[in-house]
Amino acid sequence: VTEEPSNNSFARALAGKIQEDCFKYLDAPVMTI
């Protein structure tokens, strides 16, 4: 969750890092708002 527009944001980059490191543990895509 961020207050910034999510496109090209710190939050979206963090979501990508989480997806990369936790992929095999995930039950859904990492989402941002």
PDB file of all heavy atoms in Angstrom:
ATOM      1  N   VAL A   1       0.844  -1.194   0.000  1.00  0.00           N
ATOM      2  CA  VAL A   1       0.000   0.000   0.000  1.00  0.00           C
ATOM      3  C   VAL A   1       0.882   1.248   0.000  1.00  0.00           C
ATOM      4  O   VAL A   1       1.784   1.387   0.832  1.00  0.00           O
ATOM      5  CB  VAL A   1      -0.926   0.027   1.234  1.00  0.00           C
ATOM      6  CG1 VAL A   1      -1.767   1.301   1.233  1.00  0.00           C
ATOM      7  CG2 VAL A   1      -1.821  -1.208   1.263  1.00  0.00           C
ATOM      8  N   THR A   2       0.603   2.159  -0.923  1.00  0.00           N
ATOM      9  CA  THR A   2       1.341   3.416  -1.025  1.00  0.00           C
ATOM     10  C   THR A   2       0.378   4.545  -1.356  1.00  0.00           C
ATOM     11  O   THR A   2      -0.744   4.298  -1.830  1.00  0.00           O
ATOM     12  CB  THR A   2       2.424   3.322  -2.115  1.00  0.00           C
ATOM     13  OG1 THR A   2       3.137   4.559  -2.187  1.00  0.00           O
ATOM     14  CG2 THR A   2       1.820   3.047  -3.483  1.00  0.00           C
ATOM     15  N   GLU A   3       0.793   5.769  -1.099  1.00  0.00           N
ATOM     16  CA  GLU A   3       0.000   6.920  -1.525  1.00  0.00           C
ATOM     17  C   GLU A   3       0.420   7.392  -2.907  1.00  0.00           C
ATOM     18  O   GLU A   3      -0.299   8.141  -3.557  1.00  0.00           O
ATOM     19  CB  GLU A   3       0.130   8.066  -0.518  1.00  0.00           C
ATOM     20  CG  GLU A   3      -0.821   9.213  -0.794  1.00  0.00           C
ATOM     21  CD  GLU A   3      -0.808  10.281   0.287  1.00  0.00           C
ATOM     22  OE1 GLU A   3      -0.854   9.914   1.470  1.00  0.00           O
ATOM     23  OE2 GLU A   3      -0.764  11.479  -0.051  1.00  0.00           O
ATOM     24  N   GLU A   4       1.576   7.010  -3.358  1.00  0.00           N
ATOM     25  CA  GLU A   4       2.039   7.390  -4.698  1.00  0.00           C
ATOM     26  C   GLU A   4       1.207   6.697  -5.774  1.00  0.00           C
ATOM     27  O   GLU A   4       0.702   5.593  -5.553  1.00  0.00           O
ATOM     28  CB  GLU A   4       3.495   6.970  -4.901  1.00  0.00           C
ATOM     29  CG  GLU A   4       4.515   7.855  -4.279  1.00  0.00           C
ATOM     30  CD  GLU A   4       5.903   7.526  -4.797  1.00  0.00           C
ATOM     31  OE1 GLU A   4       6.348   6.385  -4.631  1.00  0.00           O
ATOM     32  OE2 GLU A   4       6.538   8.418  -5.373  1.00  0.00           O
ATOM     33  N   PRO A   5       1.107   7.275  -6.955  1.00  0.00           N
ATOM     34  CA  PRO A   5       0.630   6.487  -8.093  1.00  0.00           C
ATOM     35  C   PRO A   5       1.510   5.253  -8.239  1.00  0.00           C
ATOM     36  O   PRO A   5       2.735   5.336  -8.142  1.00  0.00           O
ATOM     37  CB  PRO A   5       0.771   7.445  -9.276  1.00  0.00           C
ATOM     38  CG  PRO A   5       0.678   8.811  -8.655  1.00  0.00           C
ATOM     39  CD  PRO A   5       1.346   8.677  -7.317  1.00  0.00           C
ATOM     40  N   SER A   6       0.896   4.110  -8.441  1.00  0.00           N
ATOM     41  CA  SER A   6       1.645   2.855  -8.322  1.00  0.00           C
ATOM     42  C   SER A   6       2.527   2.539  -9.527  1.00  0.00           C
ATOM     43  O   SER A   6       3.520   1.816  -9.390  1.00  0.00           O
ATOM     44  CB  SER A   6       0.689   1.690  -8.059  1.00  0.00           C
ATOM     45  OG  SER A   6      -0.271   1.600  -9.098  1.00  0.00           O
ATOM     46  N   ASN A   7       2.192   3.067 -10.699  1.00  0.00           N
ATOM     47  CA  ASN A   7       3.022   2.763 -11.868  1.00  0.00           C
ATOM     48  C   ASN A   7       4.451   3.262 -11.669  1.00  0.00           C
ATOM     49  O   ASN A   7       4.665   4.410 -11.283  1.00  0.00           O
ATOM     50  CB  ASN A   7       2.436   3.404 -13.133  1.00  0.00           C
ATOM     51  CG  ASN A   7       1.272   2.607 -13.681  1.00  0.00           C
ATOM     52  OD1 ASN A   7       0.844   1.614 -13.087  1.00  0.00           O
ATOM     53  ND2 ASN A   7       0.735   3.039 -14.818  1.00  0.00           N
ATOM     54  N   ASN A   8       5.426   2.409 -11.931  1.00  0.00           N
ATOM     55  CA  ASN A   8       6.852   2.760 -11.858  1.00  0.00           C
ATOM     56  C   ASN A   8       7.259   3.277 -10.478  1.00  0.00           C
ATOM     57  O   ASN A   8       8.162   4.103 -10.362  1.00  0.00           O
ATOM     58  CB  ASN A   8       7.208   3.820 -12.914  1.00  0.00           C
ATOM     59  CG  ASN A   8       6.789   3.399 -14.303  1.00  0.00           C
ATOM     60  OD1 ASN A   8       7.085   2.300 -14.738  1.00  0.00           O
ATOM     61  ND2 ASN A   8       6.075   4.275 -14.993  1.00  0.00           N
ATOM     62  N   SER A   9       6.643   2.790  -9.442  1.00  0.00           N
ATOM     63  CA  SER A   9       6.844   3.329  -8.105  1.00  0.00           C
ATOM     64  C   SER A   9       7.745   2.450  -7.250  1.00  0.00           C
ATOM     65  O   SER A   9       8.032   1.288  -7.581  1.00  0.00           O
ATOM     66  CB  SER A   9       5.496   3.478  -7.401  1.00  0.00           C
ATOM     67  OG  SER A   9       4.915   2.195  -7.174  1.00  0.00           O
ATOM     68  N   PHE A  10       8.162   3.009  -6.103  1.00  0.00           N
ATOM     69  CA  PHE A  10       8.873   2.234  -5.086  1.00  0.00           C
ATOM     70  C   PHE A  10       8.044   1.019  -4.676  1.00  0.00           C
ATOM     71  O   PHE A  10       8.566  -0.093  -4.535  1.00  0.00           O
ATOM     72  CB  PHE A  10       9.144   3.131  -3.874  1.00  0.00           C
ATOM     73  CG  PHE A  10       9.562   2.394  -2.642  1.00  0.00           C
ATOM     74  CD1 PHE A  10      10.882   1.982  -2.464  1.00  0.00           C
ATOM     75  CD2 PHE A  10       8.640   2.110  -1.641  1.00  0.00           C
ATOM     76  CE1 PHE A  10      11.265   1.294  -1.321  1.00  0.00           C
ATOM     77  CE2 PHE A  10       9.022   1.430  -0.498  1.00  0.00           C
ATOM     78  CZ  PHE A  10      10.340   1.016  -0.339  1.00  0.00           C
ATOM     79  N   ALA A  11       6.736   1.224  -4.500  1.00  0.00           N
ATOM     80  CA  ALA A  11       5.863   0.128  -4.067  1.00  0.00           C
ATOM     81  C   ALA A  11       5.819  -0.992  -5.098  1.00  0.00           C
ATOM     82  O   ALA A  11       5.867  -2.184  -4.755  1.00  0.00           O
ATOM     83  CB  ALA A  11       4.456   0.659  -3.804  1.00  0.00           C
ATOM     84  N   ARG A  12       5.731  -0.624  -6.366  1.00  0.00           N
ATOM     85  CA  ARG A  12       5.678  -1.649  -7.416  1.00  0.00           C
ATOM     86  C   ARG A  12       7.013  -2.396  -7.507  1.00  0.00           C
ATOM     87  O   ARG A  12       7.031  -3.615  -7.726  1.00  0.00           O
ATOM     88  CB  ARG A  12       5.326  -0.976  -8.743  1.00  0.00           C
ATOM     89  CG  ARG A  12       5.067  -1.910  -9.913  1.00  0.00           C
ATOM     90  CD  ARG A  12       3.897  -2.852  -9.710  1.00  0.00           C
ATOM     91  NE  ARG A  12       2.605  -2.249  -9.475  1.00  0.00           N
ATOM     92  CZ  ARG A  12       1.800  -1.754 -10.414  1.00  0.00           C
ATOM     93  NH1 ARG A  12       2.181  -1.729 -11.678  1.00  0.00           N
ATOM     94  NH2 ARG A  12       0.618  -1.271 -10.091  1.00  0.00           N
ATOM     95  N   ALA A  13       8.109  -1.682  -7.305  1.00  0.00           N
ATOM     96  CA  ALA A  13       9.413  -2.346  -7.305  1.00  0.00           C
ATOM     97  C   ALA A  13       9.528  -3.307  -6.123  1.00  0.00           C
ATOM     98  O   ALA A  13      10.068  -4.419  -6.250  1.00  0.00           O
ATOM     99  CB  ALA A  13      10.530  -1.306  -7.251  1.00  0.00           C
ATOM    100  N   LEU A  14       9.036  -2.884  -4.962  1.00  0.00           N
ATOM    101  CA  LEU A  14       9.062  -3.761  -3.788  1.00  0.00           C
ATOM    102  C   LEU A  14       8.183  -4.984  -4.018  1.00  0.00           C
ATOM    103  O   LEU A  14       8.555  -6.109  -3.653  1.00  0.00           O
ATOM    104  CB  LEU A  14       8.595  -2.984  -2.554  1.00  0.00           C
ATOM    105  CG  LEU A  14       8.514  -3.766  -1.245  1.00  0.00           C
ATOM    106  CD1 LEU A  14       9.852  -4.410  -0.901  1.00  0.00           C
ATOM    107  CD2 LEU A  14       8.043  -2.864  -0.111  1.00  0.00           C
ATOM    108  N   ALA A  15       7.027  -4.780  -4.631  1.00  0.00           N
ATOM    109  CA  ALA A  15       6.151  -5.914  -4.942  1.00  0.00           C
ATOM    110  C   ALA A  15       6.857  -6.910  -5.853  1.00  0.00           C
ATOM    111  O   ALA A  15       6.747  -8.134  -5.673  1.00  0.00           O
ATOM    112  CB  ALA A  15       4.862  -5.409  -5.599  1.00  0.00           C
ATOM    113  N   GLY A  16       7.606  -6.400  -6.826  1.00  0.00           N
ATOM    114  CA  GLY A  16       8.363  -7.283  -7.709  1.00  0.00           C
ATOM    115  C   GLY A  16       9.427  -8.059  -6.967  1.00  0.00           C
ATOM    116  O   GLY A  16       9.655  -9.251  -7.231  1.00  0.00           O
ATOM    117  N   LYS A  17      10.098  -7.405  -6.025  1.00  0.00           N
ATOM    118  CA  LYS A  17      11.115  -8.076  -5.222  1.00  0.00           C
ATOM    119  C   LYS A  17      10.497  -9.163  -4.349  1.00  0.00           C
ATOM    120  O   LYS A  17      11.048 -10.260  -4.204  1.00  0.00           O
ATOM    121  CB  LYS A  17      11.827  -7.031  -4.353  1.00  0.00           C
ATOM    122  CG  LYS A  17      12.859  -7.587  -3.391  1.00  0.00           C
ATOM    123  CD  LYS A  17      14.047  -8.195  -4.103  1.00  0.00           C
ATOM    124  CE  LYS A  17      15.130  -8.589  -3.108  1.00  0.00           C
ATOM    125  NZ  LYS A  17      16.229  -9.350  -3.752  1.00  0.00           N
ATOM    126  N   ILE A  18       9.331  -8.874  -3.768  1.00  0.00           N
ATOM    127  CA  ILE A  18       8.633  -9.880  -2.957  1.00  0.00           C
ATOM    128  C   ILE A  18       8.235 -11.069  -3.817  1.00  0.00           C
ATOM    129  O   ILE A  18       8.414 -12.233  -3.430  1.00  0.00           O
ATOM    130  CB  ILE A  18       7.397  -9.241  -2.277  1.00  0.00           C
ATOM    131  CG1 ILE A  18       7.838  -8.176  -1.268  1.00  0.00           C
ATOM    132  CG2 ILE A  18       6.542 -10.303  -1.615  1.00  0.00           C
ATOM    133  CD1 ILE A  18       6.702  -7.297  -0.770  1.00  0.00           C
ATOM    134  N   GLN A  19       7.703 -10.787  -4.998  1.00  0.00           N
ATOM    135  CA  GLN A  19       7.306 -11.863  -5.913  1.00  0.00           C
ATOM    136  C   GLN A  19       8.514 -12.725  -6.280  1.00  0.00           C
ATOM    137  O   GLN A  19       8.431 -13.956  -6.323  1.00  0.00           O
ATOM    138  CB  GLN A  19       6.690 -11.248  -7.172  1.00  0.00           C
ATOM    139  CG  GLN A  19       6.060 -12.259  -8.111  1.00  0.00           C
ATOM    140  CD  GLN A  19       4.548 -12.098  -8.172  1.00  0.00           C
ATOM    141  OE1 GLN A  19       3.928 -11.761  -7.172  1.00  0.00           O
ATOM    142  NE2 GLN A  19       3.970 -12.329  -9.322  1.00  0.00           N
ATOM    143  N   GLU A  20       9.637 -12.087  -6.498  1.00  0.00           N
ATOM    144  CA  GLU A  20      10.861 -12.795  -6.883  1.00  0.00           C
ATOM    145  C   GLU A  20      11.358 -13.699  -5.760  1.00  0.00           C
ATOM    146  O   GLU A  20      11.730 -14.851  -5.989  1.00  0.00           O
ATOM    147  CB  GLU A  20      11.918 -11.754  -7.244  1.00  0.00           C
ATOM    148  CG  GLU A  20      13.214 -12.295  -7.783  1.00  0.00           C
ATOM    149  CD  GLU A  20      14.180 -11.177  -8.136  1.00  0.00           C
ATOM    150  OE1 GLU A  20      13.748 -10.227  -8.810  1.00  0.00           O
ATOM    151  OE2 GLU A  20      15.351 -11.254  -7.727  1.00  0.00           O
ATOM    152  N   ASP A  21      11.362 -13.177  -4.531  1.00  0.00           N
ATOM    153  CA  ASP A  21      11.933 -13.924  -3.406  1.00  0.00           C
ATOM    154  C   ASP A  21      10.966 -14.930  -2.795  1.00  0.00           C
ATOM    155  O   ASP A  21      11.403 -15.906  -2.165  1.00  0.00           O
ATOM    156  CB  ASP A  21      12.386 -12.950  -2.307  1.00  0.00           C
ATOM    157  CG  ASP A  21      13.653 -12.206  -2.670  1.00  0.00           C
ATOM    158  OD1 ASP A  21      14.080 -12.296  -3.835  1.00  0.00           O
ATOM    159  OD2 ASP A  21      14.212 -11.519  -1.794  1.00  0.00           O
ATOM    160  N   CYS A  22       9.657 -14.695  -2.948  1.00  0.00           N
ATOM    161  CA  CYS A  22       8.671 -15.521  -2.241  1.00  0.00           C
ATOM    162  C   CYS A  22       7.778 -16.314  -3.187  1.00  0.00           C
ATOM    163  O   CYS A  22       6.734 -16.837  -2.757  1.00  0.00           O
ATOM    164  CB  CYS A  22       7.801 -14.630  -1.354  1.00  0.00           C
ATOM    165  SG  CYS A  22       8.713 -13.674  -0.126  1.00  0.00           S
ATOM    166  N   PHE A  23       8.153 -16.438  -4.432  1.00  0.00           N
ATOM    167  CA  PHE A  23       7.261 -16.992  -5.449  1.00  0.00           C
ATOM    168  C   PHE A  23       6.672 -18.346  -5.057  1.00  0.00           C
ATOM    169  O   PHE A  23       5.468 -18.579  -5.141  1.00  0.00           O
ATOM    170  CB  PHE A  23       7.998 -17.104  -6.781  1.00  0.00           C
ATOM    171  CG  PHE A  23       7.148 -17.629  -7.906  1.00  0.00           C
ATOM    172  CD1 PHE A  23       6.198 -16.820  -8.503  1.00  0.00           C
ATOM    173  CD2 PHE A  23       7.282 -18.933  -8.359  1.00  0.00           C
ATOM    174  CE1 PHE A  23       5.401 -17.293  -9.534  1.00  0.00           C
ATOM    175  CE2 PHE A  23       6.485 -19.422  -9.376  1.00  0.00           C
ATOM    176  CZ  PHE A  23       5.547 -18.599  -9.974  1.00  0.00           C
ATOM    177  N   LYS A  24       7.505 -19.249  -4.568  1.00  0.00           N
ATOM    178  CA  LYS A  24       7.027 -20.607  -4.287  1.00  0.00           C
ATOM    179  C   LYS A  24       6.153 -20.680  -3.034  1.00  0.00           C
ATOM    180  O   LYS A  24       5.529 -21.705  -2.766  1.00  0.00           O
ATOM    181  CB  LYS A  24       8.188 -21.581  -4.183  1.00  0.00           C
ATOM    182  CG  LYS A  24       9.145 -21.341  -3.042  1.00  0.00           C
ATOM    183  CD  LYS A  24      10.292 -22.349  -3.099  1.00  0.00           C
ATOM    184  CE  LYS A  24      11.288 -22.128  -1.957  1.00  0.00           C
ATOM    185  NZ  LYS A  24      12.413 -23.102  -2.034  1.00  0.00           N
ATOM    186  N   TYR A  25       6.098 -19.583  -2.275  1.00  0.00           N
ATOM    187  CA  TYR A  25       5.256 -19.548  -1.072  1.00  0.00           C
ATOM    188  C   TYR A  25       3.922 -18.852  -1.324  1.00  0.00           C
ATOM    189  O   TYR A  25       3.055 -18.848  -0.444  1.00  0.00           O
ATOM    190  CB  TYR A  25       5.980 -18.804   0.057  1.00  0.00           C
ATOM    191  CG  TYR A  25       7.288 -19.427   0.465  1.00  0.00           C
ATOM    192  CD1 TYR A  25       8.477 -19.041  -0.130  1.00  0.00           C
ATOM    193  CD2 TYR A  25       7.344 -20.413   1.454  1.00  0.00           C
ATOM    194  CE1 TYR A  25       9.687 -19.607   0.244  1.00  0.00           C
ATOM    195  CE2 TYR A  25       8.554 -20.987   1.836  1.00  0.00           C
ATOM    196  CZ  TYR A  25       9.721 -20.575   1.222  1.00  0.00           C
ATOM    197  OH  TYR A  25      10.920 -21.142   1.597  1.00  0.00           O
ATOM    198  N   LEU A  26       3.764 -18.239  -2.495  1.00  0.00           N
ATOM    199  CA  LEU A  26       2.609 -17.386  -2.747  1.00  0.00           C
ATOM    200  C   LEU A  26       1.382 -18.171  -3.190  1.00  0.00           C
ATOM    201  O   LEU A  26       1.481 -19.140  -3.964  1.00  0.00           O
ATOM    202  CB  LEU A  26       2.948 -16.342  -3.808  1.00  0.00           C
ATOM    203  CG  LEU A  26       3.979 -15.275  -3.416  1.00  0.00           C
ATOM    204  CD1 LEU A  26       4.338 -14.419  -4.626  1.00  0.00           C
ATOM    205  CD2 LEU A  26       3.454 -14.399  -2.285  1.00  0.00           C
ATOM    206  N   ASP A  27       0.215 -17.728  -2.702  1.00  0.00           N
ATOM    207  CA  ASP A  27      -1.065 -18.287  -3.131  1.00  0.00           C
ATOM    208  C   ASP A  27      -1.817 -17.326  -4.042  1.00  0.00           C
ATOM    209  O   ASP A  27      -2.938 -17.627  -4.466  1.00  0.00           O
ATOM    210  CB  ASP A  27      -1.939 -18.582  -1.901  1.00  0.00           C
ATOM    211  CG  ASP A  27      -1.306 -19.610  -0.974  1.00  0.00           C
ATOM    212  OD1 ASP A  27      -0.691 -20.564  -1.480  1.00  0.00           O
ATOM    213  OD2 ASP A  27      -1.403 -19.437   0.258  1.00  0.00           O
ATOM    214  N   ALA A  28      -1.218 -16.169  -4.322  1.00  0.00           N
ATOM    215  CA  ALA A  28      -1.834 -15.167  -5.205  1.00  0.00           C
ATOM    216  C   ALA A  28      -0.734 -14.218  -5.653  1.00  0.00           C
ATOM    217  O   ALA A  28       0.334 -14.143  -5.029  1.00  0.00           O
ATOM    218  CB  ALA A  28      -2.922 -14.408  -4.458  1.00  0.00           C
ATOM    219  N   PRO A  29      -0.975 -13.476  -6.740  1.00  0.00           N
ATOM    220  CA  PRO A  29       0.026 -12.477  -7.137  1.00  0.00           C
ATOM    221  C   PRO A  29       0.192 -11.417  -6.048  1.00  0.00           C
ATOM    222  O   PRO A  29      -0.769 -11.092  -5.340  1.00  0.00           O
ATOM    223  CB  PRO A  29      -0.575 -11.857  -8.403  1.00  0.00           C
ATOM    224  CG  PRO A  29      -1.658 -12.776  -8.830  1.00  0.00           C
ATOM    225  CD  PRO A  29      -2.154 -13.474  -7.619  1.00  0.00           C
ATOM    226  N   VAL A  30       1.386 -10.873  -5.939  1.00  0.00           N
ATOM    227  CA  VAL A  30       1.594  -9.729  -5.053  1.00  0.00           C
ATOM    228  C   VAL A  30       0.916  -8.520  -5.704  1.00  0.00           C
ATOM    229  O   VAL A  30       1.166  -8.218  -6.871  1.00  0.00           O
ATOM    230  CB  VAL A  30       3.090  -9.453  -4.833  1.00  0.00           C
ATOM    231  CG1 VAL A  30       3.276  -8.218  -3.953  1.00  0.00           C
ATOM    232  CG2 VAL A  30       3.762 -10.665  -4.196  1.00  0.00           C
ATOM    233  N   MET A  31       0.076  -7.845  -4.957  1.00  0.00           N
ATOM    234  CA  MET A  31      -0.684  -6.730  -5.510  1.00  0.00           C
ATOM    235  C   MET A  31      -0.258  -5.414  -4.857  1.00  0.00           C
ATOM    236  O   MET A  31       0.300  -5.395  -3.766  1.00  0.00           O
ATOM    237  CB  MET A  31      -2.182  -6.943  -5.311  1.00  0.00           C
ATOM    238  CG  MET A  31      -2.737  -8.138  -6.072  1.00  0.00           C
ATOM    239  SD  MET A  31      -4.550  -8.226  -5.945  1.00  0.00           S
ATOM    240  CE  MET A  31      -4.870  -9.709  -6.931  1.00  0.00           C
ATOM    241  N   THR A  32      -0.557  -4.317  -5.541  1.00  0.00           N
ATOM    242  CA  THR A  32      -0.296  -2.983  -4.998  1.00  0.00           C
ATOM    243  C   THR A  32      -1.562  -2.152  -5.098  1.00  0.00           C
ATOM    244  O   THR A  32      -2.431  -2.397  -5.946  1.00  0.00           O
ATOM    245  CB  THR A  32       0.827  -2.253  -5.758  1.00  0.00           C
ATOM    246  OG1 THR A  32       0.441  -2.106  -7.131  1.00  0.00           O
ATOM    247  CG2 THR A  32       2.138  -3.002  -5.671  1.00  0.00           C
ATOM    248  N   ILE A  33      -1.647  -1.161  -4.225  1.00  0.00           N
ATOM    249  CA  ILE A  33      -2.677  -0.138  -4.358  1.00  0.00           C
ATOM    250  C   ILE A  33      -2.029   1.199  -4.047  1.00  0.00           C
ATOM    251  O   ILE A  33      -1.262   1.329  -3.087  1.00  0.00           O
ATOM    252  CB  ILE A  33      -3.888  -0.383  -3.431  1.00  0.00           C
ATOM    253  CG1 ILE A  33      -4.929   0.721  -3.637  1.00  0.00           C
ATOM    254  CG2 ILE A  33      -3.466  -0.493  -1.974  1.00  0.00           C
ATOM    255  CD1 ILE A  33      -6.253   0.460  -2.925  1.00  0.00           C
TER     256      ILE A  33
END
